[in-house]
Amino acid sequence: MYPYRSVFIVGDNDQHNVSKGLNNSGLDSARKAAHAVNGRYAVPKFTSAQRGKEFSDYSDLHRVAGLQAVKWQIQAGLVMARVNVNEDKERHQSQERSHNRVEEQKEVRKHKLEEKEAREKKRGRLI
């Protein structure tokens, strides 16, 4: 529907589950959802001192590191999402230009063939 728009998904970082032998379901779910819509994802990143504790989402990050930390992490993810959109747009435009050149070349060849056939017909030697 909006080809040059990127979906940006923020998820939980259930990193504390890994030490318990469980999956990081927040990270896995964010990754799968972003992949399904060709989007980007971000999960909060915590310092090594904060890892292993029950911190998992952006409200936890806000509580332990402040609003600025949340803004920086989300903005970094948004920058990557925009880069992805711009790359897709440039790739699509390049493919479109290439397709148009091929179509123009076909039209030129067709026109030349028609001119040649008209000349031959005029001489009485239709191919």
C-alpha atoms as a PDB file:
ATOM      1  CA  MET A   1       0.000   0.000   0.000  1.00  0.00           C
ATOM      2  CA  TYR A   2       2.830   2.404   0.886  1.00  0.00           C
ATOM      3  CA  PRO A   3       5.873   0.934  -0.856  1.00  0.00           C
ATOM      4  CA  TYR A   4       8.394   3.435   0.480  1.00  0.00           C
ATOM      5  CA  ARG A   5       7.363   3.219   4.107  1.00  0.00           C
ATOM      6  CA  SER A   6       9.047   1.011   6.618  1.00  0.00           C
ATOM      7  CA  VAL A   7       7.442  -0.654   9.580  1.00  0.00           C
ATOM      8  CA  PHE A   8       9.466  -0.180  12.746  1.00  0.00           C
ATOM      9  CA  ILE A   9       8.724  -2.606  15.556  1.00  0.00           C
ATOM     10  CA  VAL A  10       9.862  -2.157  19.137  1.00  0.00           C
ATOM     11  CA  GLY A  11       9.877  -5.225  21.285  1.00  0.00           C
ATOM     12  CA  ASP A  12      10.944  -6.476  24.662  1.00  0.00           C
ATOM     13  CA  ASN A  13      14.415  -7.791  25.350  1.00  0.00           C
ATOM     14  CA  ASP A  14      13.811 -10.772  27.594  1.00  0.00           C
ATOM     15  CA  GLN A  15      17.554 -11.315  27.979  1.00  0.00           C
ATOM     16  CA  HIS A  16      17.109 -12.393  31.605  1.00  0.00           C
ATOM     17  CA  ASN A  17      15.372 -15.558  30.341  1.00  0.00           C
ATOM     18  CA  VAL A  18      18.465 -16.745  28.479  1.00  0.00           C
ATOM     19  CA  SER A  19      20.398 -17.367  31.709  1.00  0.00           C
ATOM     20  CA  LYS A  20      17.457 -19.538  32.826  1.00  0.00           C
ATOM     21  CA  GLY A  21      17.707 -21.652  29.689  1.00  0.00           C
ATOM     22  CA  LEU A  22      14.671 -20.009  28.067  1.00  0.00           C
ATOM     23  CA  ASN A  23      14.372 -18.173  24.775  1.00  0.00           C
ATOM     24  CA  ASN A  24      14.492 -14.405  24.477  1.00  0.00           C
ATOM     25  CA  SER A  25      10.891 -14.422  23.278  1.00  0.00           C
ATOM     26  CA  GLY A  26      10.629 -10.617  23.053  1.00  0.00           C
ATOM     27  CA  LEU A  27      13.611 -10.391  20.719  1.00  0.00           C
ATOM     28  CA  ASP A  28      12.508 -13.426  18.699  1.00  0.00           C
ATOM     29  CA  SER A  29       8.974 -12.066  18.267  1.00  0.00           C
ATOM     30  CA  ALA A  30      10.164  -8.581  17.255  1.00  0.00           C
ATOM     31  CA  ARG A  31      12.576 -10.109  14.731  1.00  0.00           C
ATOM     32  CA  LYS A  32       9.898 -12.381  13.218  1.00  0.00           C
ATOM     33  CA  ALA A  33       7.318  -9.584  13.009  1.00  0.00           C
ATOM     34  CA  ALA A  34       9.780  -7.221  11.332  1.00  0.00           C
ATOM     35  CA  HIS A  35      10.854  -9.915   8.884  1.00  0.00           C
ATOM     36  CA  ALA A  36       7.213 -10.639   7.987  1.00  0.00           C
ATOM     37  CA  VAL A  37       6.647  -7.042   6.854  1.00  0.00           C
ATOM     38  CA  ASN A  38      10.182  -6.347   5.572  1.00  0.00           C
ATOM     39  CA  GLY A  39      10.627  -3.888   8.411  1.00  0.00           C
ATOM     40  CA  ARG A  40      13.128  -3.159  11.140  1.00  0.00           C
ATOM     41  CA  TYR A  41      13.005  -3.852  14.841  1.00  0.00           C
ATOM     42  CA  ALA A  42      14.625  -2.629  18.017  1.00  0.00           C
ATOM     43  CA  VAL A  43      14.716  -3.947  21.528  1.00  0.00           C
ATOM     44  CA  PRO A  44      16.170  -2.080  24.496  1.00  0.00           C
ATOM     45  CA  LYS A  45      19.835  -2.655  25.198  1.00  0.00           C
ATOM     46  CA  PHE A  46      20.960  -2.761  28.794  1.00  0.00           C
ATOM     47  CA  THR A  47      24.443  -2.411  30.277  1.00  0.00           C
ATOM     48  CA  SER A  48      26.292  -5.490  31.477  1.00  0.00           C
ATOM     49  CA  ALA A  49      25.473  -4.472  35.074  1.00  0.00           C
ATOM     50  CA  GLN A  50      21.762  -4.361  34.191  1.00  0.00           C
ATOM     51  CA  ARG A  51      21.719  -7.671  32.317  1.00  0.00           C
ATOM     52  CA  GLY A  52      20.506 -10.678  34.217  1.00  0.00           C
ATOM     53  CA  LYS A  53      18.030  -8.579  36.129  1.00  0.00           C
ATOM     54  CA  GLU A  54      14.372  -8.575  35.186  1.00  0.00           C
ATOM     55  CA  PHE A  55      14.732  -5.553  32.857  1.00  0.00           C
ATOM     56  CA  SER A  56      13.120  -6.187  29.491  1.00  0.00           C
ATOM     57  CA  ASP A  57      11.243  -3.246  27.969  1.00  0.00           C
ATOM     58  CA  TYR A  58      11.633   0.435  27.206  1.00  0.00           C
ATOM     59  CA  SER A  59       9.823   1.467  30.381  1.00  0.00           C
ATOM     60  CA  ASP A  60      12.473  -0.452  32.344  1.00  0.00           C
ATOM     61  CA  LEU A  61      15.192   1.312  30.360  1.00  0.00           C
ATOM     62  CA  HIS A  62      13.521   4.644  31.104  1.00  0.00           C
ATOM     63  CA  ARG A  63      13.435   3.830  34.810  1.00  0.00           C
ATOM     64  CA  VAL A  64      17.106   2.758  35.080  1.00  0.00           C
ATOM     65  CA  ALA A  65      18.796   4.923  32.424  1.00  0.00           C
ATOM     66  CA  GLY A  66      16.459   7.843  31.772  1.00  0.00           C
ATOM     67  CA  LEU A  67      14.402   9.162  28.911  1.00  0.00           C
ATOM     68  CA  GLN A  68      17.451  10.206  26.882  1.00  0.00           C
ATOM     69  CA  ALA A  69      18.670   6.591  26.720  1.00  0.00           C
ATOM     70  CA  VAL A  70      15.278   5.512  25.378  1.00  0.00           C
ATOM     71  CA  LYS A  71      15.325   8.308  22.781  1.00  0.00           C
ATOM     72  CA  TRP A  72      18.847   7.455  21.610  1.00  0.00           C
ATOM     73  CA  GLN A  73      18.091   3.772  21.189  1.00  0.00           C
ATOM     74  CA  ILE A  74      14.797   4.326  19.348  1.00  0.00           C
ATOM     75  CA  GLN A  75      16.287   7.029  17.116  1.00  0.00           C
ATOM     76  CA  ALA A  76      19.163   4.724  16.162  1.00  0.00           C
ATOM     77  CA  GLY A  77      16.636   2.095  15.084  1.00  0.00           C
ATOM     78  CA  LEU A  78      14.602   4.650  13.137  1.00  0.00           C
ATOM     79  CA  VAL A  79      17.709   5.790  11.263  1.00  0.00           C
ATOM     80  CA  MET A  80      18.299   2.206  10.131  1.00  0.00           C
ATOM     81  CA  ALA A  81      14.645   1.870   9.097  1.00  0.00           C
ATOM     82  CA  ARG A  82      14.917   5.022   6.970  1.00  0.00           C
ATOM     83  CA  VAL A  83      18.123   3.760   5.345  1.00  0.00           C
ATOM     84  CA  ASN A  84      16.286   0.554   4.444  1.00  0.00           C
ATOM     85  CA  VAL A  85      13.411   2.526   2.865  1.00  0.00           C
ATOM     86  CA  ASN A  86      15.788   4.743   0.876  1.00  0.00           C
ATOM     87  CA  GLU A  87      17.752   1.736  -0.395  1.00  0.00           C
ATOM     88  CA  ASP A  88      14.529   0.006  -1.478  1.00  0.00           C
ATOM     89  CA  LYS A  89      13.324   3.159  -3.222  1.00  0.00           C
ATOM     90  CA  GLU A  90      16.628   3.634  -5.073  1.00  0.00           C
ATOM     91  CA  ARG A  91      16.712  -0.038  -6.110  1.00  0.00           C
ATOM     92  CA  HIS A  92      13.122   0.155  -7.393  1.00  0.00           C
ATOM     93  CA  GLN A  93      13.805   3.361  -9.334  1.00  0.00           C
ATOM     94  CA  SER A  94      16.934   1.851 -10.875  1.00  0.00           C
ATOM     95  CA  GLN A  95      15.000  -1.246 -11.961  1.00  0.00           C
ATOM     96  CA  GLU A  96      12.267   0.953 -13.394  1.00  0.00           C
ATOM     97  CA  ARG A  97      14.790   3.023 -15.398  1.00  0.00           C
ATOM     98  CA  SER A  98      16.396  -0.153 -16.723  1.00  0.00           C
ATOM     99  CA  HIS A  99      13.001  -1.555 -17.724  1.00  0.00           C
ATOM    100  CA  ASN A 100      12.112   1.699 -19.495  1.00  0.00           C
ATOM    101  CA  ARG A 101      15.399   1.645 -21.462  1.00  0.00           C
ATOM    102  CA  VAL A 102      14.715  -1.920 -22.608  1.00  0.00           C
ATOM    103  CA  GLU A 103      11.186  -0.979 -23.702  1.00  0.00           C
ATOM    104  CA  GLU A 104      12.501   2.062 -25.583  1.00  0.00           C
ATOM    105  CA  GLN A 105      15.057  -0.110 -27.384  1.00  0.00           C
ATOM    106  CA  LYS A 106      12.317  -2.564 -28.374  1.00  0.00           C
ATOM    107  CA  GLU A 107      10.244   0.298 -29.797  1.00  0.00           C
ATOM    108  CA  VAL A 108      13.218   1.615 -31.789  1.00  0.00           C
ATOM    109  CA  ARG A 109      13.928  -1.849 -33.250  1.00  0.00           C
ATOM    110  CA  LYS A 110      10.251  -2.322 -34.101  1.00  0.00           C
ATOM    111  CA  HIS A 111      10.100   1.084 -35.795  1.00  0.00           C
ATOM    112  CA  LYS A 112      13.263   0.356 -37.820  1.00  0.00           C
ATOM    113  CA  LEU A 113      11.864  -3.003 -38.922  1.00  0.00           C
ATOM    114  CA  GLU A 114       8.588  -1.372 -39.996  1.00  0.00           C
ATOM    115  CA  GLU A 115      10.515   1.251 -41.995  1.00  0.00           C
ATOM    116  CA  LYS A 116      12.587  -1.454 -43.674  1.00  0.00           C
ATOM    117  CA  GLU A 117       9.462  -3.461 -44.558  1.00  0.00           C
ATOM    118  CA  ALA A 118       7.824  -0.344 -45.987  1.00  0.00           C
ATOM    119  CA  ARG A 119      10.878   0.357 -48.188  1.00  0.00           C
ATOM    120  CA  GLU A 120      10.991  -3.262 -49.361  1.00  0.00           C
ATOM    121  CA  LYS A 121       7.274  -3.254 -50.105  1.00  0.00           C
ATOM    122  CA  LYS A 122       7.675  -0.055 -52.038  1.00  0.00           C
ATOM    123  CA  ARG A 123      10.334  -1.731 -54.164  1.00  0.00           C
ATOM    124  CA  GLY A 124       8.064  -4.725 -54.609  1.00  0.00           C
ATOM    125  CA  ARG A 125      10.155  -7.136 -52.600  1.00  0.00           C
ATOM    126  CA  LEU A 126       8.255  -7.797 -49.387  1.00  0.00           C
ATOM    127  CA  ILE A 127      10.277  -9.995 -47.095  1.00  0.00           C
END
